[in-house]
Amino acid sequence: MGTFDGKISIHTRNQKYGKLSKGLLVQVDHNSVRRMKSHMHSFFFEPAIGCIIGTNGYIWIYSLQSKDQQNTCGVHPHERKLMSILRNAIVALDQAKLPIFKETI
């Protein structure tokens, strides 16, 4: 048995999605996450915020626009605010023991 180094990884079936960056990780009870056909969703419109919902309880929230631009200055404050709103909705669902999927978020 190896030592735990504190790293978390999310695996996809292909390299299309690339490295996860400029986002935040939320951990919820894995029993709250419902299996779906697709676990990648987008919310809001301008700017669009993406979300990858893992069945293991790890949820990655990121800005779709920052990912497309590949900028190095980080996430715009407005995008960060929308990401926080999405995070708070997910945490509220988890605390209420409600199922977590696109329609409930």
PDB file of N, CA and C in Angstrom:
ATOM      1  N   MET A   1       0.847  -1.178   0.000  1.00  0.00           N
ATOM      2  CA  MET A   1       0.000   0.000   0.000  1.00  0.00           C
ATOM      3  C   MET A   1       0.893   1.242   0.000  1.00  0.00           C
ATOM      4  N   GLY A   2       0.660   2.141  -0.966  1.00  0.00           N
ATOM      5  CA  GLY A   2       1.484   3.335  -1.093  1.00  0.00           C
ATOM      6  C   GLY A   2       1.046   4.436  -0.145  1.00  0.00           C
ATOM      7  N   THR A   3       1.814   5.495  -0.124  1.00  0.00           N
ATOM      8  CA  THR A   3       1.473   6.641   0.717  1.00  0.00           C
ATOM      9  C   THR A   3       0.566   7.584  -0.050  1.00  0.00           C
ATOM     10  N   PHE A   4      -0.287   8.278   0.649  1.00  0.00           N
ATOM     11  CA  PHE A   4      -1.201   9.239   0.039  1.00  0.00           C
ATOM     12  C   PHE A   4      -0.495  10.577  -0.086  1.00  0.00           C
ATOM     13  N   ASP A   5      -0.414  11.101  -1.304  1.00  0.00           N
ATOM     14  CA  ASP A   5       0.296  12.363  -1.516  1.00  0.00           C
ATOM     15  C   ASP A   5      -0.628  13.560  -1.668  1.00  0.00           C
ATOM     16  N   GLY A   6      -1.956  13.374  -1.507  1.00  0.00           N
ATOM     17  CA  GLY A   6      -2.891  14.488  -1.553  1.00  0.00           C
ATOM     18  C   GLY A   6      -3.354  14.879  -2.943  1.00  0.00           C
ATOM     19  N   LYS A   7      -2.978  14.136  -3.969  1.00  0.00           N
ATOM     20  CA  LYS A   7      -3.376  14.463  -5.333  1.00  0.00           C
ATOM     21  C   LYS A   7      -4.724  13.847  -5.656  1.00  0.00           C
ATOM     22  N   ILE A   8      -5.509  14.570  -6.430  1.00  0.00           N
ATOM     23  CA  ILE A   8      -6.804  14.094  -6.889  1.00  0.00           C
ATOM     24  C   ILE A   8      -6.769  14.087  -8.406  1.00  0.00           C
ATOM     25  N   SER A   9      -7.284  13.048  -9.004  1.00  0.00           N
ATOM     26  CA  SER A   9      -7.292  13.015 -10.461  1.00  0.00           C
ATOM     27  C   SER A   9      -8.673  12.643 -10.977  1.00  0.00           C
ATOM     28  N   ILE A  10      -9.017  13.219 -12.097  1.00  0.00           N
ATOM     29  CA  ILE A  10     -10.249  12.899 -12.811  1.00  0.00           C
ATOM     30  C   ILE A  10      -9.822  12.371 -14.168  1.00  0.00           C
ATOM     31  N   HIS A  11     -10.330  11.220 -14.550  1.00  0.00           N
ATOM     32  CA  HIS A  11      -9.946  10.616 -15.810  1.00  0.00           C
ATOM     33  C   HIS A  11     -11.099  10.667 -16.801  1.00  0.00           C
ATOM     34  N   THR A  12     -10.774  10.918 -18.057  1.00  0.00           N
ATOM     35  CA  THR A  12     -11.756  10.854 -19.134  1.00  0.00           C
ATOM     36  C   THR A  12     -11.324   9.759 -20.095  1.00  0.00           C
ATOM     37  N   ARG A  13     -12.204   9.414 -21.001  1.00  0.00           N
ATOM     38  CA  ARG A  13     -11.906   8.318 -21.915  1.00  0.00           C
ATOM     39  C   ARG A  13     -11.007   8.730 -23.069  1.00  0.00           C
ATOM     40  N   ASN A  14     -10.823  10.025 -23.270  1.00  0.00           N
ATOM     41  CA  ASN A  14      -9.910  10.473 -24.314  1.00  0.00           C
ATOM     42  C   ASN A  14      -9.239  11.778 -23.884  1.00  0.00           C
ATOM     43  N   GLN A  15      -8.324  12.266 -24.686  1.00  0.00           N
ATOM     44  CA  GLN A  15      -7.554  13.467 -24.352  1.00  0.00           C
ATOM     45  C   GLN A  15      -8.222  14.754 -24.832  1.00  0.00           C
ATOM     46  N   LYS A  16      -9.455  14.683 -25.308  1.00  0.00           N
ATOM     47  CA  LYS A  16     -10.155  15.839 -25.849  1.00  0.00           C
ATOM     48  C   LYS A  16     -10.280  16.980 -24.840  1.00  0.00           C
ATOM     49  N   TYR A  17     -10.456  16.664 -23.571  1.00  0.00           N
ATOM     50  CA  TYR A  17     -10.744  17.685 -22.570  1.00  0.00           C
ATOM     51  C   TYR A  17      -9.499  18.341 -22.005  1.00  0.00           C
ATOM     52  N   GLY A  18      -8.386  17.710 -22.106  1.00  0.00           N
ATOM     53  CA  GLY A  18      -7.133  18.313 -21.674  1.00  0.00           C
ATOM     54  C   GLY A  18      -7.022  18.466 -20.171  1.00  0.00           C
ATOM     55  N   LYS A  19      -6.082  19.316 -19.763  1.00  0.00           N
ATOM     56  CA  LYS A  19      -5.794  19.541 -18.350  1.00  0.00           C
ATOM     57  C   LYS A  19      -6.861  20.442 -17.735  1.00  0.00           C
ATOM     58  N   LEU A  20      -7.273  20.102 -16.539  1.00  0.00           N
ATOM     59  CA  LEU A  20      -8.243  20.938 -15.837  1.00  0.00           C
ATOM     60  C   LEU A  20      -7.517  22.114 -15.215  1.00  0.00           C
ATOM     61  N   SER A  21      -7.992  23.320 -15.512  1.00  0.00           N
ATOM     62  CA  SER A  21      -7.347  24.511 -14.957  1.00  0.00           C
ATOM     63  C   SER A  21      -8.373  25.608 -14.750  1.00  0.00           C
ATOM     64  N   LYS A  22      -7.990  26.608 -13.995  1.00  0.00           N
ATOM     65  CA  LYS A  22      -8.799  27.803 -13.744  1.00  0.00           C
ATOM     66  C   LYS A  22     -10.228  27.460 -13.320  1.00  0.00           C
ATOM     67  N   GLY A  23     -10.310  26.667 -12.272  1.00  0.00           N
ATOM     68  CA  GLY A  23     -11.608  26.278 -11.761  1.00  0.00           C
ATOM     69  C   GLY A  23     -11.519  25.940 -10.296  1.00  0.00           C
ATOM     70  N   LEU A  24     -12.568  25.327  -9.777  1.00  0.00           N
ATOM     71  CA  LEU A  24     -12.569  24.929  -8.389  1.00  0.00           C
ATOM     72  C   LEU A  24     -13.194  23.550  -8.235  1.00  0.00           C
ATOM     73  N   LEU A  25     -12.748  22.852  -7.229  1.00  0.00           N
ATOM     74  CA  LEU A  25     -13.183  21.490  -6.973  1.00  0.00           C
ATOM     75  C   LEU A  25     -14.115  21.479  -5.768  1.00  0.00           C
ATOM     76  N   VAL A  26     -15.247  20.803  -5.926  1.00  0.00           N
ATOM     77  CA  VAL A  26     -16.209  20.653  -4.845  1.00  0.00           C
ATOM     78  C   VAL A  26     -16.351  19.161  -4.570  1.00  0.00           C
ATOM     79  N   GLN A  27     -16.357  18.776  -3.309  1.00  0.00           N
ATOM     80  CA  GLN A  27     -16.558  17.376  -2.960  1.00  0.00           C
ATOM     81  C   GLN A  27     -17.889  17.237  -2.246  1.00  0.00           C
ATOM     82  N   VAL A  28     -18.721  16.320  -2.749  1.00  0.00           N
ATOM     83  CA  VAL A  28     -20.029  16.054  -2.161  1.00  0.00           C
ATOM     84  C   VAL A  28     -20.136  14.560  -1.878  1.00  0.00           C
ATOM     85  N   ASP A  29     -21.201  14.174  -1.202  1.00  0.00           N
ATOM     86  CA  ASP A  29     -21.449  12.760  -0.948  1.00  0.00           C
ATOM     87  C   ASP A  29     -21.721  12.063  -2.279  1.00  0.00           C
ATOM     88  N   HIS A  30     -20.961  11.028  -2.585  1.00  0.00           N
ATOM     89  CA  HIS A  30     -21.107  10.361  -3.884  1.00  0.00           C
ATOM     90  C   HIS A  30     -22.473   9.703  -4.047  1.00  0.00           C
ATOM     91  N   ASN A  31     -23.157   9.432  -2.951  1.00  0.00           N
ATOM     92  CA  ASN A  31     -24.496   8.852  -3.038  1.00  0.00           C
ATOM     93  C   ASN A  31     -25.523   9.853  -3.554  1.00  0.00           C
ATOM     94  N   SER A  32     -25.212  11.142  -3.489  1.00  0.00           N
ATOM     95  CA  SER A  32     -26.127  12.178  -3.974  1.00  0.00           C
ATOM     96  C   SER A  32     -26.053  12.365  -5.480  1.00  0.00           C
ATOM     97  N   VAL A  33     -24.962  11.914  -6.094  1.00  0.00           N
ATOM     98  CA  VAL A  33     -24.766  12.127  -7.531  1.00  0.00           C
ATOM     99  C   VAL A  33     -25.505  11.052  -8.311  1.00  0.00           C
ATOM    100  N   ARG A  34     -26.370  11.490  -9.202  1.00  0.00           N
ATOM    101  CA  ARG A  34     -27.143  10.571 -10.021  1.00  0.00           C
ATOM    102  C   ARG A  34     -26.380  10.261 -11.313  1.00  0.00           C
ATOM    103  N   ARG A  35     -26.443   9.015 -11.740  1.00  0.00           N
ATOM    104  CA  ARG A  35     -25.829   8.645 -13.026  1.00  0.00           C
ATOM    105  C   ARG A  35     -26.605   9.303 -14.158  1.00  0.00           C
ATOM    106  N   MET A  36     -25.849   9.840 -15.125  1.00  0.00           N
ATOM    107  CA  MET A  36     -26.458  10.531 -16.263  1.00  0.00           C
ATOM    108  C   MET A  36     -25.792  10.052 -17.542  1.00  0.00           C
ATOM    109  N   LYS A  37     -26.402  10.376 -18.656  1.00  0.00           N
ATOM    110  CA  LYS A  37     -25.792  10.041 -19.942  1.00  0.00           C
ATOM    111  C   LYS A  37     -24.515  10.849 -20.143  1.00  0.00           C
ATOM    112  N   SER A  38     -24.557  12.115 -19.762  1.00  0.00           N
ATOM    113  CA  SER A  38     -23.385  12.979 -19.836  1.00  0.00           C
ATOM    114  C   SER A  38     -23.184  13.652 -18.488  1.00  0.00           C
ATOM    115  N   HIS A  39     -21.958  13.709 -18.033  1.00  0.00           N
ATOM    116  CA  HIS A  39     -21.659  14.336 -16.752  1.00  0.00           C
ATOM    117  C   HIS A  39     -21.011  15.696 -16.929  1.00  0.00           C
ATOM    118  N   MET A  40     -20.964  16.192 -18.172  1.00  0.00           N
ATOM    119  CA  MET A  40     -20.412  17.520 -18.454  1.00  0.00           C
ATOM    120  C   MET A  40     -21.554  18.450 -18.833  1.00  0.00           C
ATOM    121  N   HIS A  41     -21.677  19.559 -18.106  1.00  0.00           N
ATOM    122  CA  HIS A  41     -22.792  20.472 -18.312  1.00  0.00           C
ATOM    123  C   HIS A  41     -22.289  21.904 -18.348  1.00  0.00           C
ATOM    124  N   SER A  42     -23.101  22.779 -18.951  1.00  0.00           N
ATOM    125  CA  SER A  42     -22.774  24.206 -18.922  1.00  0.00           C
ATOM    126  C   SER A  42     -23.964  24.963 -18.345  1.00  0.00           C
ATOM    127  N   PHE A  43     -23.647  26.045 -17.628  1.00  0.00           N
ATOM    128  CA  PHE A  43     -24.658  26.864 -16.977  1.00  0.00           C
ATOM    129  C   PHE A  43     -24.409  28.321 -17.332  1.00  0.00           C
ATOM    130  N   PHE A  44     -25.430  29.134 -17.169  1.00  0.00           N
ATOM    131  CA  PHE A  44     -25.386  30.557 -17.484  1.00  0.00           C
ATOM    132  C   PHE A  44     -25.091  30.726 -18.982  1.00  0.00           C
ATOM    133  N   PHE A  45     -25.048  31.922 -19.479  1.00  0.00           N
ATOM    134  CA  PHE A  45     -24.780  32.123 -20.899  1.00  0.00           C
ATOM    135  C   PHE A  45     -23.600  33.044 -21.133  1.00  0.00           C
ATOM    136  N   GLU A  46     -23.620  34.200 -20.537  1.00  0.00           N
ATOM    137  CA  GLU A  46     -22.524  35.152 -20.715  1.00  0.00           C
ATOM    138  C   GLU A  46     -21.969  35.543 -19.367  1.00  0.00           C
ATOM    139  N   PRO A  47     -20.898  35.071 -18.926  1.00  0.00           N
ATOM    140  CA  PRO A  47     -20.050  34.030 -19.496  1.00  0.00           C
ATOM    141  C   PRO A  47     -20.562  32.646 -19.113  1.00  0.00           C
ATOM    142  N   ALA A  48     -20.237  31.670 -19.923  1.00  0.00           N
ATOM    143  CA  ALA A  48     -20.667  30.303 -19.670  1.00  0.00           C
ATOM    144  C   ALA A  48     -19.746  29.651 -18.638  1.00  0.00           C
ATOM    145  N   ILE A  49     -20.358  28.938 -17.716  1.00  0.00           N
ATOM    146  CA  ILE A  49     -19.620  28.220 -16.676  1.00  0.00           C
ATOM    147  C   ILE A  49     -19.874  26.730 -16.875  1.00  0.00           C
ATOM    148  N   GLY A  50     -18.812  25.942 -16.894  1.00  0.00           N
ATOM    149  CA  GLY A  50     -18.928  24.505 -17.096  1.00  0.00           C
ATOM    150  C   GLY A  50     -18.806  23.748 -15.792  1.00  0.00           C
ATOM    151  N   CYS A  51     -19.288  22.512 -15.821  1.00  0.00           N
ATOM    152  CA  CYS A  51     -19.288  21.690 -14.626  1.00  0.00           C
ATOM    153  C   CYS A  51     -19.137  20.229 -15.043  1.00  0.00           C
ATOM    154  N   ILE A  52     -18.202  19.534 -14.424  1.00  0.00           N
ATOM    155  CA  ILE A  52     -18.037  18.095 -14.634  1.00  0.00           C
ATOM    156  C   ILE A  52     -18.429  17.431 -13.328  1.00  0.00           C
ATOM    157  N   ILE A  53     -19.472  16.629 -13.372  1.00  0.00           N
ATOM    158  CA  ILE A  53     -19.987  15.977 -12.177  1.00  0.00           C
ATOM    159  C   ILE A  53     -19.515  14.531 -12.168  1.00  0.00           C
ATOM    160  N   GLY A  54     -18.599  14.207 -11.290  1.00  0.00           N
ATOM    161  CA  GLY A  54     -18.083  12.848 -11.186  1.00  0.00           C
ATOM    162  C   GLY A  54     -18.960  11.994 -10.290  1.00  0.00           C
ATOM    163  N   THR A  55     -19.155  10.744 -10.671  1.00  0.00           N
ATOM    164  CA  THR A  55     -19.979   9.862  -9.849  1.00  0.00           C
ATOM    165  C   THR A  55     -19.306   9.521  -8.523  1.00  0.00           C
ATOM    166  N   ASN A  56     -18.036   9.867  -8.379  1.00  0.00           N
ATOM    167  CA  ASN A  56     -17.324   9.625  -7.125  1.00  0.00           C
ATOM    168  C   ASN A  56     -17.504  10.774  -6.120  1.00  0.00           C
ATOM    169  N   GLY A  57     -18.279  11.792  -6.484  1.00  0.00           N
ATOM    170  CA  GLY A  57     -18.547  12.906  -5.578  1.00  0.00           C
ATOM    171  C   GLY A  57     -17.692  14.130  -5.809  1.00  0.00           C
ATOM    172  N   TYR A  58     -16.728  14.047  -6.730  1.00  0.00           N
ATOM    173  CA  TYR A  58     -15.905  15.214  -7.062  1.00  0.00           C
ATOM    174  C   TYR A  58     -16.542  15.960  -8.226  1.00  0.00           C
ATOM    175  N   ILE A  59     -16.691  17.268  -8.064  1.00  0.00           N
ATOM    176  CA  ILE A  59     -17.304  18.112  -9.091  1.00  0.00           C
ATOM    177  C   ILE A  59     -16.331  19.231  -9.417  1.00  0.00           C
ATOM    178  N   TRP A  60     -15.984  19.373 -10.692  1.00  0.00           N
ATOM    179  CA  TRP A  60     -15.070  20.415 -11.155  1.00  0.00           C
ATOM    180  C   TRP A  60     -15.895  21.511 -11.820  1.00  0.00           C
ATOM    181  N   ILE A  61     -15.774  22.740 -11.337  1.00  0.00           N
ATOM    182  CA  ILE A  61     -16.479  23.898 -11.882  1.00  0.00           C
ATOM    183  C   ILE A  61     -15.439  24.812 -12.511  1.00  0.00           C
ATOM    184  N   TYR A  62     -15.678  25.228 -13.752  1.00  0.00           N
ATOM    185  CA  TYR A  62     -14.679  26.028 -14.459  1.00  0.00           C
ATOM    186  C   TYR A  62     -15.350  26.992 -15.433  1.00  0.00           C
ATOM    187  N   SER A  63     -14.601  27.961 -15.885  1.00  0.00           N
ATOM    188  CA  SER A  63     -15.086  28.931 -16.863  1.00  0.00           C
ATOM    189  C   SER A  63     -14.816  28.399 -18.264  1.00  0.00           C
ATOM    190  N   LEU A  64     -15.849  28.300 -19.067  1.00  0.00           N
ATOM    191  CA  LEU A  64     -15.681  27.831 -20.442  1.00  0.00           C
ATOM    192  C   LEU A  64     -14.931  28.861 -21.279  1.00  0.00           C
ATOM    193  N   GLN A  65     -15.130  30.136 -21.026  1.00  0.00           N
ATOM    194  CA  GLN A  65     -14.464  31.163 -21.818  1.00  0.00           C
ATOM    195  C   GLN A  65     -12.984  31.247 -21.507  1.00  0.00           C
ATOM    196  N   SER A  66     -12.611  31.159 -20.254  1.00  0.00           N
ATOM    197  CA  SER A  66     -11.189  31.196 -19.905  1.00  0.00           C
ATOM    198  C   SER A  66     -10.466  29.990 -20.469  1.00  0.00           C
ATOM    199  N   LYS A  67     -11.142  28.842 -20.519  1.00  0.00           N
ATOM    200  CA  LYS A  67     -10.522  27.630 -21.056  1.00  0.00           C
ATOM    201  C   LYS A  67     -10.275  27.788 -22.557  1.00  0.00           C
ATOM    202  N   ASP A  68     -11.238  28.412 -23.266  1.00  0.00           N
ATOM    203  CA  ASP A  68     -11.081  28.606 -24.704  1.00  0.00           C
ATOM    204  C   ASP A  68      -9.979  29.605 -25.021  1.00  0.00           C
ATOM    205  N   GLN A  69      -9.863  30.654 -24.224  1.00  0.00           N
ATOM    206  CA  GLN A  69      -8.881  31.702 -24.506  1.00  0.00           C
ATOM    207  C   GLN A  69      -7.471  31.315 -24.086  1.00  0.00           C
ATOM    208  N   GLN A  70      -7.346  30.350 -23.192  1.00  0.00           N
ATOM    209  CA  GLN A  70      -6.037  29.925 -22.680  1.00  0.00           C
ATOM    210  C   GLN A  70      -5.229  31.109 -22.147  1.00  0.00           C
ATOM    211  N   ASN A  71      -5.913  32.025 -21.465  1.00  0.00           N
ATOM    212  CA  ASN A  71      -5.195  33.176 -20.913  1.00  0.00           C
ATOM    213  C   ASN A  71      -4.465  32.781 -19.639  1.00  0.00           C
ATOM    214  N   THR A  72      -3.485  33.550 -19.283  1.00  0.00           N
ATOM    215  CA  THR A  72      -2.688  33.237 -18.103  1.00  0.00           C
ATOM    216  C   THR A  72      -3.022  34.152 -16.929  1.00  0.00           C
ATOM    217  N   CYS A  73      -3.946  35.086 -17.122  1.00  0.00           N
ATOM    218  CA  CYS A  73      -4.232  36.049 -16.059  1.00  0.00           C
ATOM    219  C   CYS A  73      -5.268  35.534 -15.067  1.00  0.00           C
ATOM    220  N   GLY A  74      -5.778  34.333 -15.236  1.00  0.00           N
ATOM    221  CA  GLY A  74      -6.748  33.786 -14.298  1.00  0.00           C
ATOM    222  C   GLY A  74      -8.169  33.988 -14.762  1.00  0.00           C
ATOM    223  N   VAL A  75      -9.085  33.851 -13.826  1.00  0.00           N
ATOM    224  CA  VAL A  75     -10.507  33.951 -14.123  1.00  0.00           C
ATOM    225  C   VAL A  75     -10.994  35.352 -13.777  1.00  0.00           C
ATOM    226  N   HIS A  76     -11.803  35.918 -14.635  1.00  0.00           N
ATOM    227  CA  HIS A  76     -12.381  37.242 -14.431  1.00  0.00           C
ATOM    228  C   HIS A  76     -13.253  37.219 -13.172  1.00  0.00           C
ATOM    229  N   PRO A  77     -13.296  38.314 -12.401  1.00  0.00           N
ATOM    230  CA  PRO A  77     -14.099  38.337 -11.168  1.00  0.00           C
ATOM    231  C   PRO A  77     -15.575  37.982 -11.380  1.00  0.00           C
ATOM    232  N   HIS A  78     -16.167  38.391 -12.505  1.00  0.00           N
ATOM    233  CA  HIS A  78     -17.572  38.054 -12.770  1.00  0.00           C
ATOM    234  C   HIS A  78     -17.735  36.546 -12.965  1.00  0.00           C
ATOM    235  N   GLU A  79     -16.771  35.931 -13.666  1.00  0.00           N
ATOM    236  CA  GLU A  79     -16.801  34.479 -13.844  1.00  0.00           C
ATOM    237  C   GLU A  79     -16.639  33.778 -12.498  1.00  0.00           C
ATOM    238  N   ARG A  80     -15.757  34.286 -11.667  1.00  0.00           N
ATOM    239  CA  ARG A  80     -15.536  33.714 -10.335  1.00  0.00           C
ATOM    240  C   ARG A  80     -16.814  33.789  -9.500  1.00  0.00           C
ATOM    241  N   LYS A  81     -17.563  34.892  -9.632  1.00  0.00           N
ATOM    242  CA  LYS A  81     -18.821  35.043  -8.897  1.00  0.00           C
ATOM    243  C   LYS A  81     -19.832  33.996  -9.354  1.00  0.00           C
ATOM    244  N   LEU A  82     -19.953  33.779 -10.669  1.00  0.00           N
ATOM    245  CA  LEU A  82     -20.884  32.773 -11.182  1.00  0.00           C
ATOM    246  C   LEU A  82     -20.465  31.361 -10.767  1.00  0.00           C
ATOM    247  N   MET A  83     -19.166  31.115 -10.743  1.00  0.00           N
ATOM    248  CA  MET A  83     -18.674  29.814 -10.286  1.00  0.00           C
ATOM    249  C   MET A  83     -19.029  29.606  -8.812  1.00  0.00           C
ATOM    250  N   SER A  84     -18.959  30.659  -8.019  1.00  0.00           N
ATOM    251  CA  SER A  84     -19.303  30.571  -6.597  1.00  0.00           C
ATOM    252  C   SER A  84     -20.790  30.310  -6.397  1.00  0.00           C
ATOM    253  N   ILE A  85     -21.624  30.934  -7.227  1.00  0.00           N
ATOM    254  CA  ILE A  85     -23.071  30.704  -7.159  1.00  0.00           C
ATOM    255  C   ILE A  85     -23.380  29.241  -7.464  1.00  0.00           C
ATOM    256  N   LEU A  86     -22.748  28.711  -8.509  1.00  0.00           N
ATOM    257  CA  LEU A  86     -22.942  27.311  -8.876  1.00  0.00           C
ATOM    258  C   LEU A  86     -22.458  26.390  -7.753  1.00  0.00           C
ATOM    259  N   ARG A  87     -21.311  26.694  -7.177  1.00  0.00           N
ATOM    260  CA  ARG A  87     -20.771  25.906  -6.065  1.00  0.00           C
ATOM    261  C   ARG A  87     -21.721  25.910  -4.883  1.00  0.00           C
ATOM    262  N   ASN A  88     -22.260  27.082  -4.535  1.00  0.00           N
ATOM    263  CA  ASN A  88     -23.164  27.186  -3.396  1.00  0.00           C
ATOM    264  C   ASN A  88     -24.450  26.397  -3.625  1.00  0.00           C
ATOM    265  N   ALA A  89     -24.946  26.385  -4.856  1.00  0.00           N
ATOM    266  CA  ALA A  89     -26.147  25.597  -5.180  1.00  0.00           C
ATOM    267  C   ALA A  89     -25.874  24.107  -4.991  1.00  0.00           C
ATOM    268  N   ILE A  90     -24.702  23.662  -5.429  1.00  0.00           N
ATOM    269  CA  ILE A  90     -24.333  22.249  -5.298  1.00  0.00           C
ATOM    270  C   ILE A  90     -24.169  21.869  -3.827  1.00  0.00           C
ATOM    271  N   VAL A  91     -23.506  22.716  -3.051  1.00  0.00           N
ATOM    272  CA  VAL A  91     -23.303  22.444  -1.632  1.00  0.00           C
ATOM    273  C   VAL A  91     -24.647  22.417  -0.896  1.00  0.00           C
ATOM    274  N   ALA A  92     -25.575  23.317  -1.258  1.00  0.00           N
ATOM    275  CA  ALA A  92     -26.898  23.329  -0.627  1.00  0.00           C
ATOM    276  C   ALA A  92     -27.658  22.037  -0.923  1.00  0.00           C
ATOM    277  N   LEU A  93     -27.576  21.546  -2.155  1.00  0.00           N
ATOM    278  CA  LEU A  93     -28.212  20.277  -2.493  1.00  0.00           C
ATOM    279  C   LEU A  93     -27.609  19.134  -1.688  1.00  0.00           C
ATOM    280  N   ASP A  94     -26.290  19.149  -1.551  1.00  0.00           N
ATOM    281  CA  ASP A  94     -25.609  18.092  -0.809  1.00  0.00           C
ATOM    282  C   ASP A  94     -26.011  18.119   0.664  1.00  0.00           C
ATOM    283  N   GLN A  95     -26.066  19.295   1.260  1.00  0.00           N
ATOM    284  CA  GLN A  95     -26.424  19.409   2.674  1.00  0.00           C
ATOM    285  C   GLN A  95     -27.879  19.013   2.924  1.00  0.00           C
ATOM    286  N   ALA A  96     -28.745  19.242   1.931  1.00  0.00           N
ATOM    287  CA  ALA A  96     -30.153  18.866   2.056  1.00  0.00           C
ATOM    288  C   ALA A  96     -30.384  17.401   1.688  1.00  0.00           C
ATOM    289  N   LYS A  97     -29.305  16.705   1.320  1.00  0.00           N
ATOM    290  CA  LYS A  97     -29.376  15.289   0.918  1.00  0.00           C
ATOM    291  C   LYS A  97     -30.290  15.076  -0.288  1.00  0.00           C
ATOM    292  N   LEU A  98     -30.286  16.048  -1.214  1.00  0.00           N
ATOM    293  CA  LEU A  98     -31.054  15.955  -2.454  1.00  0.00           C
ATOM    294  C   LEU A  98     -30.142  15.455  -3.571  1.00  0.00           C
ATOM    295  N   PRO A  99     -30.728  14.789  -4.575  1.00  0.00           N
ATOM    296  CA  PRO A  99     -29.893  14.298  -5.681  1.00  0.00           C
ATOM    297  C   PRO A  99     -29.278  15.452  -6.463  1.00  0.00           C
ATOM    298  N   ILE A 100     -28.055  15.232  -6.941  1.00  0.00           N
ATOM    299  CA  ILE A 100     -27.324  16.266  -7.671  1.00  0.00           C
ATOM    300  C   ILE A 100     -27.227  15.860  -9.128  1.00  0.00           C
ATOM    301  N   PHE A 101     -27.868  16.624  -9.996  1.00  0.00           N
ATOM    302  CA  PHE A 101     -27.766  16.489 -11.446  1.00  0.00           C
ATOM    303  C   PHE A 101     -28.174  17.809 -12.055  1.00  0.00           C
ATOM    304  N   LYS A 102     -28.064  17.963 -13.358  1.00  0.00           N
ATOM    305  CA  LYS A 102     -28.217  19.272 -13.994  1.00  0.00           C
ATOM    306  C   LYS A 102     -29.537  19.960 -13.638  1.00  0.00           C
ATOM    307  N   GLU A 103     -30.630  19.237 -13.676  1.00  0.00           N
ATOM    308  CA  GLU A 103     -31.933  19.856 -13.429  1.00  0.00           C
ATOM    309  C   GLU A 103     -32.093  20.340 -11.985  1.00  0.00           C
ATOM    310  N   THR A 104     -31.518  19.660 -11.021  1.00  0.00           N
ATOM    311  CA  THR A 104     -31.667  20.117  -9.629  1.00  0.00           C
ATOM    312  C   THR A 104     -30.739  21.290  -9.331  1.00  0.00           C
ATOM    313  N   ILE A 105     -29.610  21.355 -10.013  1.00  0.00           N
ATOM    314  CA  ILE A 105     -28.699  22.475  -9.804  1.00  0.00           C
ATOM    315  C   ILE A 105     -29.330  23.737 -10.356  1.00  0.00           C
TER     316      ILE A 105
END
